[in-house]
């Protein structure tokens, strides 16, 4: 057995799962009665990491956003994977809502997470490595306590636990 165990805390998302959720949104909205005869569009730009929703009114765009979040949750993604950037008027009297896809932990939040882990006073070591946080410890029980704290906390980024060794 290994002397030291570790895991990574990241905010990476599975792009294929994300795309599947967007496809489900398209399918559901095209079949909904309240969207019959109205214009709507859901566009995901993978390179720019943006999601754009276009609908005919404020009510429709809010309903579209709710459907997107519901589909994310059904696919096992957090509702925090998108962050609203702006809502504006679009051509043809439509409304346009732009979101950025959050797949990273900001350095300020990473520092807060490592500080919270250190406050637990367990024999574990947490250090920031690029866009993830590596937590190392000799006892699996202590690492599991850290995982429970991370999952139970209220964070800005959608955190995932990966590479448990």
C-alpha atoms as a PDB file:
ATOM      1  CA  UNK A   1       0.000   0.000   0.000  1.00  0.00           C
ATOM      2  CA  UNK A   2       1.027   3.568  -0.565  1.00  0.00           C
ATOM      3  CA  UNK A   3       2.391   5.530   2.371  1.00  0.00           C
ATOM      4  CA  UNK A   4       0.772   8.761   1.312  1.00  0.00           C
ATOM      5  CA  UNK A   5      -2.638   9.187  -0.295  1.00  0.00           C
ATOM      6  CA  UNK A   6      -3.827  12.195  -2.268  1.00  0.00           C
ATOM      7  CA  UNK A   7      -6.651  13.677  -4.297  1.00  0.00           C
ATOM      8  CA  UNK A   8      -7.225  16.772  -6.426  1.00  0.00           C
ATOM      9  CA  UNK A   9      -9.899  19.429  -6.056  1.00  0.00           C
ATOM     10  CA  UNK A  10     -10.720  20.865  -9.493  1.00  0.00           C
ATOM     11  CA  UNK A  11     -13.510  22.707 -11.265  1.00  0.00           C
ATOM     12  CA  UNK A  12     -13.132  20.934 -14.615  1.00  0.00           C
ATOM     13  CA  UNK A  13     -16.342  19.942 -16.352  1.00  0.00           C
ATOM     14  CA  UNK A  14     -16.971  17.167 -18.826  1.00  0.00           C
ATOM     15  CA  UNK A  15     -17.570  19.060 -22.085  1.00  0.00           C
ATOM     16  CA  UNK A  16     -19.471  16.147 -23.631  1.00  0.00           C
ATOM     17  CA  UNK A  17     -21.905  16.066 -20.697  1.00  0.00           C
ATOM     18  CA  UNK A  18     -22.269  19.843 -21.032  1.00  0.00           C
ATOM     19  CA  UNK A  19     -23.059  19.505 -24.751  1.00  0.00           C
ATOM     20  CA  UNK A  20     -25.545  16.711 -24.039  1.00  0.00           C
ATOM     21  CA  UNK A  21     -27.380  18.972 -21.590  1.00  0.00           C
ATOM     22  CA  UNK A  22     -27.525  21.756 -24.218  1.00  0.00           C
ATOM     23  CA  UNK A  23     -28.920  19.300 -26.786  1.00  0.00           C
ATOM     24  CA  UNK A  24     -31.575  18.210 -24.292  1.00  0.00           C
ATOM     25  CA  UNK A  25     -32.521  21.862 -23.777  1.00  0.00           C
ATOM     26  CA  UNK A  26     -33.006  22.316 -27.533  1.00  0.00           C
ATOM     27  CA  UNK A  27     -35.145  19.203 -27.709  1.00  0.00           C
ATOM     28  CA  UNK A  28     -37.329  20.123 -24.716  1.00  0.00           C
ATOM     29  CA  UNK A  29     -37.873  23.763 -25.691  1.00  0.00           C
ATOM     30  CA  UNK A  30     -38.865  22.859 -29.255  1.00  0.00           C
ATOM     31  CA  UNK A  31     -41.595  20.579 -27.813  1.00  0.00           C
ATOM     32  CA  UNK A  32     -42.913  22.959 -25.142  1.00  0.00           C
ATOM     33  CA  UNK A  33     -46.254  24.608 -25.703  1.00  0.00           C
ATOM     34  CA  UNK A  34     -45.239  27.984 -24.247  1.00  0.00           C
ATOM     35  CA  UNK A  35     -42.411  28.264 -26.807  1.00  0.00           C
ATOM     36  CA  UNK A  36     -44.529  27.354 -29.872  1.00  0.00           C
ATOM     37  CA  UNK A  37     -44.303  30.066 -32.517  1.00  0.00           C
ATOM     38  CA  UNK A  38     -41.599  32.036 -30.701  1.00  0.00           C
ATOM     39  CA  UNK A  39     -37.928  32.384 -31.499  1.00  0.00           C
ATOM     40  CA  UNK A  40     -35.319  30.872 -29.223  1.00  0.00           C
ATOM     41  CA  UNK A  41     -31.689  29.913 -29.615  1.00  0.00           C
ATOM     42  CA  UNK A  42     -29.162  28.144 -27.406  1.00  0.00           C
ATOM     43  CA  UNK A  43     -25.567  28.489 -28.629  1.00  0.00           C
ATOM     44  CA  UNK A  44     -22.437  27.083 -26.998  1.00  0.00           C
ATOM     45  CA  UNK A  45     -19.067  28.388 -28.200  1.00  0.00           C
ATOM     46  CA  UNK A  46     -16.485  25.866 -27.020  1.00  0.00           C
ATOM     47  CA  UNK A  47     -13.399  27.967 -27.819  1.00  0.00           C
ATOM     48  CA  UNK A  48     -14.657  31.137 -26.121  1.00  0.00           C
ATOM     49  CA  UNK A  49     -16.334  29.070 -23.389  1.00  0.00           C
ATOM     50  CA  UNK A  50     -19.572  31.029 -23.642  1.00  0.00           C
ATOM     51  CA  UNK A  51     -23.221  30.048 -23.689  1.00  0.00           C
ATOM     52  CA  UNK A  52     -25.690  32.406 -25.378  1.00  0.00           C
ATOM     53  CA  UNK A  53     -29.461  32.201 -24.912  1.00  0.00           C
ATOM     54  CA  UNK A  54     -31.779  34.186 -27.170  1.00  0.00           C
ATOM     55  CA  UNK A  55     -35.557  34.361 -26.665  1.00  0.00           C
ATOM     56  CA  UNK A  56     -38.429  36.632 -27.638  1.00  0.00           C
ATOM     57  CA  UNK A  57     -39.093  38.192 -24.190  1.00  0.00           C
ATOM     58  CA  UNK A  58     -37.784  38.487 -20.639  1.00  0.00           C
ATOM     59  CA  UNK A  59     -40.187  35.775 -19.442  1.00  0.00           C
ATOM     60  CA  UNK A  60     -39.084  33.383 -22.168  1.00  0.00           C
ATOM     61  CA  UNK A  61     -35.389  33.972 -21.531  1.00  0.00           C
ATOM     62  CA  UNK A  62     -35.865  33.347 -17.803  1.00  0.00           C
ATOM     63  CA  UNK A  63     -37.758  30.125 -18.579  1.00  0.00           C
ATOM     64  CA  UNK A  64     -34.973  29.109 -20.986  1.00  0.00           C
ATOM     65  CA  UNK A  65     -32.349  29.733 -18.292  1.00  0.00           C
ATOM     66  CA  UNK A  66     -34.352  27.610 -15.822  1.00  0.00           C
ATOM     67  CA  UNK A  67     -34.550  24.777 -18.354  1.00  0.00           C
ATOM     68  CA  UNK A  68     -30.779  24.962 -18.958  1.00  0.00           C
ATOM     69  CA  UNK A  69     -30.027  24.758 -15.229  1.00  0.00           C
ATOM     70  CA  UNK A  70     -32.505  21.886 -14.770  1.00  0.00           C
ATOM     71  CA  UNK A  71     -30.836  19.925 -17.583  1.00  0.00           C
ATOM     72  CA  UNK A  72     -27.381  20.573 -16.082  1.00  0.00           C
ATOM     73  CA  UNK A  73     -28.557  19.196 -12.748  1.00  0.00           C
ATOM     74  CA  UNK A  74     -30.073  16.117 -14.413  1.00  0.00           C
ATOM     75  CA  UNK A  75     -26.755  15.473 -16.184  1.00  0.00           C
ATOM     76  CA  UNK A  76     -24.869  15.688 -12.879  1.00  0.00           C
ATOM     77  CA  UNK A  77     -23.407  19.160 -13.468  1.00  0.00           C
ATOM     78  CA  UNK A  78     -23.617  21.963 -10.954  1.00  0.00           C
ATOM     79  CA  UNK A  79     -25.694  25.053 -11.637  1.00  0.00           C
ATOM     80  CA  UNK A  80     -22.467  26.973 -11.001  1.00  0.00           C
ATOM     81  CA  UNK A  81     -20.884  25.827 -14.275  1.00  0.00           C
ATOM     82  CA  UNK A  82     -22.296  28.972 -15.914  1.00  0.00           C
ATOM     83  CA  UNK A  83     -21.993  32.531 -14.694  1.00  0.00           C
ATOM     84  CA  UNK A  84     -24.187  35.256 -16.152  1.00  0.00           C
ATOM     85  CA  UNK A  85     -22.210  38.012 -17.865  1.00  0.00           C
ATOM     86  CA  UNK A  86     -24.913  40.236 -19.363  1.00  0.00           C
ATOM     87  CA  UNK A  87     -28.499  40.464 -20.560  1.00  0.00           C
ATOM     88  CA  UNK A  88     -29.188  42.753 -23.477  1.00  0.00           C
ATOM     89  CA  UNK A  89     -31.540  43.480 -26.359  1.00  0.00           C
ATOM     90  CA  UNK A  90     -30.913  41.527 -29.524  1.00  0.00           C
ATOM     91  CA  UNK A  91     -32.073  41.974 -33.096  1.00  0.00           C
ATOM     92  CA  UNK A  92     -35.763  41.564 -33.897  1.00  0.00           C
ATOM     93  CA  UNK A  93     -36.940  42.654 -30.436  1.00  0.00           C
ATOM     94  CA  UNK A  94     -35.424  39.564 -28.807  1.00  0.00           C
ATOM     95  CA  UNK A  95     -33.507  39.322 -25.533  1.00  0.00           C
ATOM     96  CA  UNK A  96     -29.996  37.881 -25.339  1.00  0.00           C
ATOM     97  CA  UNK A  97     -28.375  36.429 -22.216  1.00  0.00           C
ATOM     98  CA  UNK A  98     -24.656  35.628 -22.246  1.00  0.00           C
ATOM     99  CA  UNK A  99     -22.957  33.272 -19.790  1.00  0.00           C
ATOM    100  CA  UNK A 100     -19.355  32.236 -19.319  1.00  0.00           C
ATOM    101  CA  UNK A 101     -18.562  28.603 -18.584  1.00  0.00           C
ATOM    102  CA  UNK A 102     -16.760  28.274 -15.246  1.00  0.00           C
ATOM    103  CA  UNK A 103     -14.243  25.426 -15.369  1.00  0.00           C
ATOM    104  CA  UNK A 104     -11.504  26.786 -13.118  1.00  0.00           C
ATOM    105  CA  UNK A 105     -10.949  27.774  -9.509  1.00  0.00           C
ATOM    106  CA  UNK A 106     -10.016  31.434  -9.043  1.00  0.00           C
ATOM    107  CA  UNK A 107      -6.836  31.943  -7.034  1.00  0.00           C
ATOM    108  CA  UNK A 108      -8.673  33.848  -4.290  1.00  0.00           C
ATOM    109  CA  UNK A 109     -11.090  30.977  -3.796  1.00  0.00           C
ATOM    110  CA  UNK A 110      -8.292  28.396  -3.990  1.00  0.00           C
ATOM    111  CA  UNK A 111      -6.515  30.210  -1.154  1.00  0.00           C
ATOM    112  CA  UNK A 112      -9.736  30.216   0.874  1.00  0.00           C
ATOM    113  CA  UNK A 113     -10.218  26.468   0.339  1.00  0.00           C
ATOM    114  CA  UNK A 114      -6.647  25.666   1.415  1.00  0.00           C
ATOM    115  CA  UNK A 115      -7.040  27.926   4.470  1.00  0.00           C
ATOM    116  CA  UNK A 116     -10.276  26.140   5.428  1.00  0.00           C
ATOM    117  CA  UNK A 117      -8.519  22.774   5.077  1.00  0.00           C
ATOM    118  CA  UNK A 118      -5.701  23.970   7.354  1.00  0.00           C
ATOM    119  CA  UNK A 119      -8.268  25.207   9.926  1.00  0.00           C
ATOM    120  CA  UNK A 120      -9.501  21.623  10.257  1.00  0.00           C
ATOM    121  CA  UNK A 121      -6.187  20.840  12.017  1.00  0.00           C
ATOM    122  CA  UNK A 122      -5.813  17.452  10.352  1.00  0.00           C
ATOM    123  CA  UNK A 123      -2.521  15.926   9.286  1.00  0.00           C
ATOM    124  CA  UNK A 124      -3.022  16.754   5.619  1.00  0.00           C
ATOM    125  CA  UNK A 125      -1.170  19.035   3.251  1.00  0.00           C
ATOM    126  CA  UNK A 126      -3.093  21.173   0.734  1.00  0.00           C
ATOM    127  CA  UNK A 127      -1.279  23.075  -1.977  1.00  0.00           C
ATOM    128  CA  UNK A 128      -2.393  24.939  -5.079  1.00  0.00           C
ATOM    129  CA  UNK A 129      -1.054  23.436  -8.312  1.00  0.00           C
ATOM    130  CA  UNK A 130      -2.148  25.461 -11.332  1.00  0.00           C
ATOM    131  CA  UNK A 131      -5.907  25.201 -11.693  1.00  0.00           C
ATOM    132  CA  UNK A 132      -6.323  22.512  -9.026  1.00  0.00           C
ATOM    133  CA  UNK A 133      -5.619  21.918  -5.353  1.00  0.00           C
ATOM    134  CA  UNK A 134      -3.703  18.776  -4.358  1.00  0.00           C
ATOM    135  CA  UNK A 135      -4.457  17.413  -0.895  1.00  0.00           C
ATOM    136  CA  UNK A 136      -2.074  14.821   0.547  1.00  0.00           C
ATOM    137  CA  UNK A 137      -2.243  12.843   3.747  1.00  0.00           C
ATOM    138  CA  UNK A 138      -1.189   9.560   5.301  1.00  0.00           C
ATOM    139  CA  UNK A 139      -4.650   8.519   6.548  1.00  0.00           C
ATOM    140  CA  UNK A 140      -7.623   7.973   4.250  1.00  0.00           C
ATOM    141  CA  UNK A 141     -10.029   8.896   7.055  1.00  0.00           C
ATOM    142  CA  UNK A 142      -8.578  12.398   7.267  1.00  0.00           C
ATOM    143  CA  UNK A 143      -8.751  12.830   3.494  1.00  0.00           C
ATOM    144  CA  UNK A 144     -12.397  11.747   3.579  1.00  0.00           C
ATOM    145  CA  UNK A 145     -13.109  14.394   6.232  1.00  0.00           C
ATOM    146  CA  UNK A 146     -11.581  17.009   3.915  1.00  0.00           C
ATOM    147  CA  UNK A 147     -13.695  15.737   0.999  1.00  0.00           C
ATOM    148  CA  UNK A 148     -16.831  15.992   3.151  1.00  0.00           C
ATOM    149  CA  UNK A 149     -15.918  19.566   4.133  1.00  0.00           C
ATOM    150  CA  UNK A 150     -15.297  20.567   0.496  1.00  0.00           C
ATOM    151  CA  UNK A 151     -18.545  19.000  -0.729  1.00  0.00           C
ATOM    152  CA  UNK A 152     -20.533  20.514   2.143  1.00  0.00           C
ATOM    153  CA  UNK A 153     -19.146  24.027   1.693  1.00  0.00           C
ATOM    154  CA  UNK A 154     -20.599  26.893  -0.321  1.00  0.00           C
ATOM    155  CA  UNK A 155     -18.098  27.705  -3.068  1.00  0.00           C
ATOM    156  CA  UNK A 156     -18.289  29.930  -6.143  1.00  0.00           C
ATOM    157  CA  UNK A 157     -16.811  27.322  -8.470  1.00  0.00           C
ATOM    158  CA  UNK A 158     -18.336  23.886  -9.203  1.00  0.00           C
ATOM    159  CA  UNK A 159     -15.789  21.744  -7.346  1.00  0.00           C
ATOM    160  CA  UNK A 160     -14.984  18.115  -8.232  1.00  0.00           C
ATOM    161  CA  UNK A 161     -12.874  15.550  -6.438  1.00  0.00           C
ATOM    162  CA  UNK A 162     -10.522  13.666  -8.776  1.00  0.00           C
ATOM    163  CA  UNK A 163      -7.519  11.329  -8.787  1.00  0.00           C
ATOM    164  CA  UNK A 164      -8.023   9.741  -5.366  1.00  0.00           C
ATOM    165  CA  UNK A 165      -4.896   7.638  -4.820  1.00  0.00           C
END
